[in-house]
Amino acid sequence: MGFLDKFKKQAPQLKEKAADLARSQNDKIDAGIDKAADAVNKATKGKYEDKIDAAADKAQDSVDKLAEDGK
């Protein structure tokens, strides 16, 4: 059995663990995403601020969805 086969077999368990983490640490994850977006904005001197903010919002929405639905 190859690496990918093992990973596919464990994927549902890993997804549930990620959902549990998203539920219990949602505020910390959102803060980390904001901090990363701020760091990138600073590094690019705000040149791509709109795109970075949009990506950060999508990432936070994905974490929220995972926390709510487990999907």
N, C-alpha and C. Protein backbone atom coordinates (compact mmCIF):
# COMPACT_ATOMS: atom_id res chain seq x y z
N MET A 1 0.85 -1.17 0.00
CA MET A 1 0.00 0.00 0.00
C MET A 1 0.90 1.24 0.00
N GLY A 2 0.65 2.14 -0.95
CA GLY A 2 1.46 3.34 -1.08
C GLY A 2 1.02 4.44 -0.12
N PHE A 3 1.80 5.48 -0.11
CA PHE A 3 1.54 6.63 0.76
C PHE A 3 0.16 7.22 0.50
N LEU A 4 -0.19 7.41 -0.76
CA LEU A 4 -1.48 8.03 -1.07
C LEU A 4 -2.64 7.13 -0.67
N ASP A 5 -2.47 5.84 -0.79
CA ASP A 5 -3.52 4.92 -0.36
C ASP A 5 -3.75 5.03 1.14
N LYS A 6 -2.67 5.11 1.89
CA LYS A 6 -2.79 5.27 3.34
C LYS A 6 -3.45 6.59 3.69
N PHE A 7 -3.06 7.64 2.98
CA PHE A 7 -3.63 8.96 3.23
C PHE A 7 -5.12 8.98 2.93
N LYS A 8 -5.52 8.38 1.81
CA LYS A 8 -6.94 8.32 1.45
C LYS A 8 -7.74 7.58 2.50
N LYS A 9 -7.15 6.55 3.06
CA LYS A 9 -7.83 5.76 4.08
C LYS A 9 -8.02 6.56 5.37
N GLN A 10 -7.04 7.42 5.69
CA GLN A 10 -7.10 8.22 6.92
C GLN A 10 -7.78 9.57 6.73
N ALA A 11 -8.10 9.95 5.50
CA ALA A 11 -8.64 11.28 5.21
C ALA A 11 -9.88 11.64 6.03
N PRO A 12 -10.87 10.75 6.17
CA PRO A 12 -12.05 11.13 6.97
C PRO A 12 -11.70 11.43 8.43
N GLN A 13 -10.79 10.67 9.02
CA GLN A 13 -10.39 10.91 10.41
C GLN A 13 -9.64 12.22 10.53
N LEU A 14 -8.76 12.50 9.57
CA LEU A 14 -8.00 13.74 9.59
C LEU A 14 -8.91 14.96 9.41
N LYS A 15 -9.91 14.80 8.56
CA LYS A 15 -10.86 15.90 8.35
C LYS A 15 -11.65 16.18 9.62
N GLU A 16 -12.04 15.15 10.33
CA GLU A 16 -12.78 15.34 11.58
C GLU A 16 -11.90 16.00 12.63
N LYS A 17 -10.63 15.62 12.70
CA LYS A 17 -9.70 16.27 13.63
C LYS A 17 -9.54 17.74 13.29
N ALA A 18 -9.45 18.06 11.99
CA ALA A 18 -9.33 19.46 11.56
C ALA A 18 -10.59 20.23 11.92
N ALA A 19 -11.75 19.60 11.77
CA ALA A 19 -13.01 20.26 12.12
C ALA A 19 -13.08 20.51 13.63
N ASP A 20 -12.65 19.55 14.43
CA ASP A 20 -12.63 19.74 15.88
C ASP A 20 -11.70 20.89 16.27
N LEU A 21 -10.56 20.95 15.64
CA LEU A 21 -9.61 22.03 15.90
C LEU A 21 -10.21 23.38 15.48
N ALA A 22 -10.87 23.41 14.34
CA ALA A 22 -11.49 24.65 13.87
C ALA A 22 -12.58 25.11 14.84
N ARG A 23 -13.32 24.16 15.40
CA ARG A 23 -14.36 24.51 16.38
C ARG A 23 -13.77 25.07 17.66
N SER A 24 -12.73 24.43 18.17
CA SER A 24 -12.20 24.81 19.47
C SER A 24 -11.23 25.99 19.42
N GLN A 25 -10.61 26.22 18.28
CA GLN A 25 -9.58 27.26 18.18
C GLN A 25 -9.90 28.29 17.10
N ASN A 26 -11.18 28.48 16.80
CA ASN A 26 -11.58 29.36 15.70
C ASN A 26 -11.03 30.78 15.85
N ASP A 27 -11.12 31.34 17.04
CA ASP A 27 -10.64 32.71 17.25
C ASP A 27 -9.13 32.82 17.01
N LYS A 28 -8.39 31.84 17.48
CA LYS A 28 -6.94 31.86 17.30
C LYS A 28 -6.56 31.68 15.83
N ILE A 29 -7.30 30.84 15.12
CA ILE A 29 -7.03 30.63 13.69
C ILE A 29 -7.31 31.92 12.92
N ASP A 30 -8.44 32.56 13.21
CA ASP A 30 -8.78 33.82 12.55
C ASP A 30 -7.72 34.89 12.83
N ALA A 31 -7.27 34.95 14.06
CA ALA A 31 -6.22 35.93 14.42
C ALA A 31 -4.93 35.64 13.66
N GLY A 32 -4.59 34.37 13.50
CA GLY A 32 -3.40 33.99 12.76
C GLY A 32 -3.50 34.36 11.29
N ILE A 33 -4.68 34.17 10.72
CA ILE A 33 -4.89 34.55 9.32
C ILE A 33 -4.75 36.07 9.16
N ASP A 34 -5.34 36.82 10.09
CA ASP A 34 -5.21 38.28 10.06
C ASP A 34 -3.75 38.72 10.19
N LYS A 35 -3.04 38.08 11.09
CA LYS A 35 -1.63 38.42 11.30
C LYS A 35 -0.80 38.13 10.05
N ALA A 36 -1.06 37.00 9.42
CA ALA A 36 -0.35 36.65 8.20
C ALA A 36 -0.67 37.64 7.08
N ALA A 37 -1.94 38.01 6.95
CA ALA A 37 -2.33 38.98 5.92
C ALA A 37 -1.66 40.33 6.17
N ASP A 38 -1.61 40.75 7.43
CA ASP A 38 -0.94 42.01 7.76
C ASP A 38 0.55 41.96 7.41
N ALA A 39 1.18 40.83 7.68
CA ALA A 39 2.61 40.68 7.37
C ALA A 39 2.85 40.75 5.87
N VAL A 40 1.99 40.12 5.09
CA VAL A 40 2.14 40.15 3.64
C VAL A 40 1.88 41.55 3.11
N ASN A 41 0.86 42.20 3.66
CA ASN A 41 0.59 43.59 3.25
C ASN A 41 1.79 44.49 3.53
N LYS A 42 2.39 44.29 4.66
CA LYS A 42 3.56 45.10 5.02
C LYS A 42 4.72 44.81 4.08
N ALA A 43 4.94 43.53 3.78
CA ALA A 43 6.04 43.13 2.90
C ALA A 43 5.86 43.67 1.48
N THR A 44 4.61 43.76 1.02
CA THR A 44 4.34 44.26 -0.33
C THR A 44 4.02 45.75 -0.33
N LYS A 45 4.16 46.37 0.84
CA LYS A 45 3.91 47.80 1.01
C LYS A 45 2.50 48.19 0.56
N GLY A 46 1.54 47.30 0.82
CA GLY A 46 0.14 47.56 0.54
C GLY A 46 -0.25 47.50 -0.93
N LYS A 47 0.66 47.09 -1.77
CA LYS A 47 0.40 47.07 -3.22
C LYS A 47 -0.76 46.13 -3.58
N TYR A 48 -0.89 45.03 -2.88
CA TYR A 48 -1.92 44.04 -3.19
C TYR A 48 -2.93 43.89 -2.04
N GLU A 49 -3.13 44.95 -1.30
CA GLU A 49 -3.95 44.88 -0.08
C GLU A 49 -5.35 44.32 -0.34
N ASP A 50 -6.01 44.76 -1.40
CA ASP A 50 -7.36 44.28 -1.70
C ASP A 50 -7.38 42.77 -1.94
N LYS A 51 -6.42 42.29 -2.70
CA LYS A 51 -6.38 40.86 -3.01
C LYS A 51 -6.02 40.05 -1.77
N ILE A 52 -5.11 40.55 -0.97
CA ILE A 52 -4.70 39.85 0.26
C ILE A 52 -5.86 39.79 1.24
N ASP A 53 -6.55 40.91 1.40
CA ASP A 53 -7.70 40.94 2.31
C ASP A 53 -8.81 39.99 1.84
N ALA A 54 -9.04 39.94 0.53
CA ALA A 54 -10.05 39.03 -0.01
C ALA A 54 -9.66 37.58 0.25
N ALA A 55 -8.39 37.26 0.06
CA ALA A 55 -7.93 35.89 0.32
C ALA A 55 -8.04 35.54 1.79
N ALA A 56 -7.72 36.48 2.66
CA ALA A 56 -7.82 36.25 4.11
C ALA A 56 -9.28 36.03 4.50
N ASP A 57 -10.19 36.81 3.91
CA ASP A 57 -11.61 36.63 4.20
C ASP A 57 -12.09 35.25 3.76
N LYS A 58 -11.65 34.80 2.59
CA LYS A 58 -12.04 33.48 2.10
C LYS A 58 -11.49 32.37 3.00
N ALA A 59 -10.26 32.56 3.47
CA ALA A 59 -9.67 31.56 4.36
C ALA A 59 -10.45 31.49 5.67
N GLN A 60 -10.82 32.65 6.21
CA GLN A 60 -11.58 32.67 7.45
C GLN A 60 -12.96 32.06 7.25
N ASP A 61 -13.59 32.34 6.11
CA ASP A 61 -14.88 31.73 5.81
C ASP A 61 -14.78 30.21 5.72
N SER A 62 -13.71 29.73 5.13
CA SER A 62 -13.50 28.28 5.02
C SER A 62 -13.33 27.63 6.39
N VAL A 63 -12.59 28.29 7.27
CA VAL A 63 -12.41 27.77 8.62
C VAL A 63 -13.74 27.77 9.36
N ASP A 64 -14.51 28.84 9.20
CA ASP A 64 -15.83 28.92 9.84
C ASP A 64 -16.75 27.81 9.34
N LYS A 65 -16.73 27.57 8.03
CA LYS A 65 -17.56 26.51 7.45
C LYS A 65 -17.13 25.13 7.97
N LEU A 66 -15.83 24.92 8.05
CA LEU A 66 -15.33 23.65 8.56
C LEU A 66 -15.75 23.47 10.02
N ALA A 67 -15.71 24.54 10.78
CA ALA A 67 -16.10 24.47 12.20
C ALA A 67 -17.60 24.16 12.33
N GLU A 68 -18.41 24.73 11.46
CA GLU A 68 -19.87 24.54 11.54
C GLU A 68 -20.31 23.19 11.00
N ASP A 69 -19.86 22.87 9.80
CA ASP A 69 -20.36 21.70 9.08
C ASP A 69 -19.44 20.50 9.15
N GLY A 70 -18.17 20.74 9.39
CA GLY A 70 -17.21 19.67 9.29
C GLY A 70 -16.89 19.35 7.84
N LYS A 71 -17.24 20.29 6.92
CA LYS A 71 -17.01 20.08 5.48
C LYS A 71 -16.04 21.10 4.95
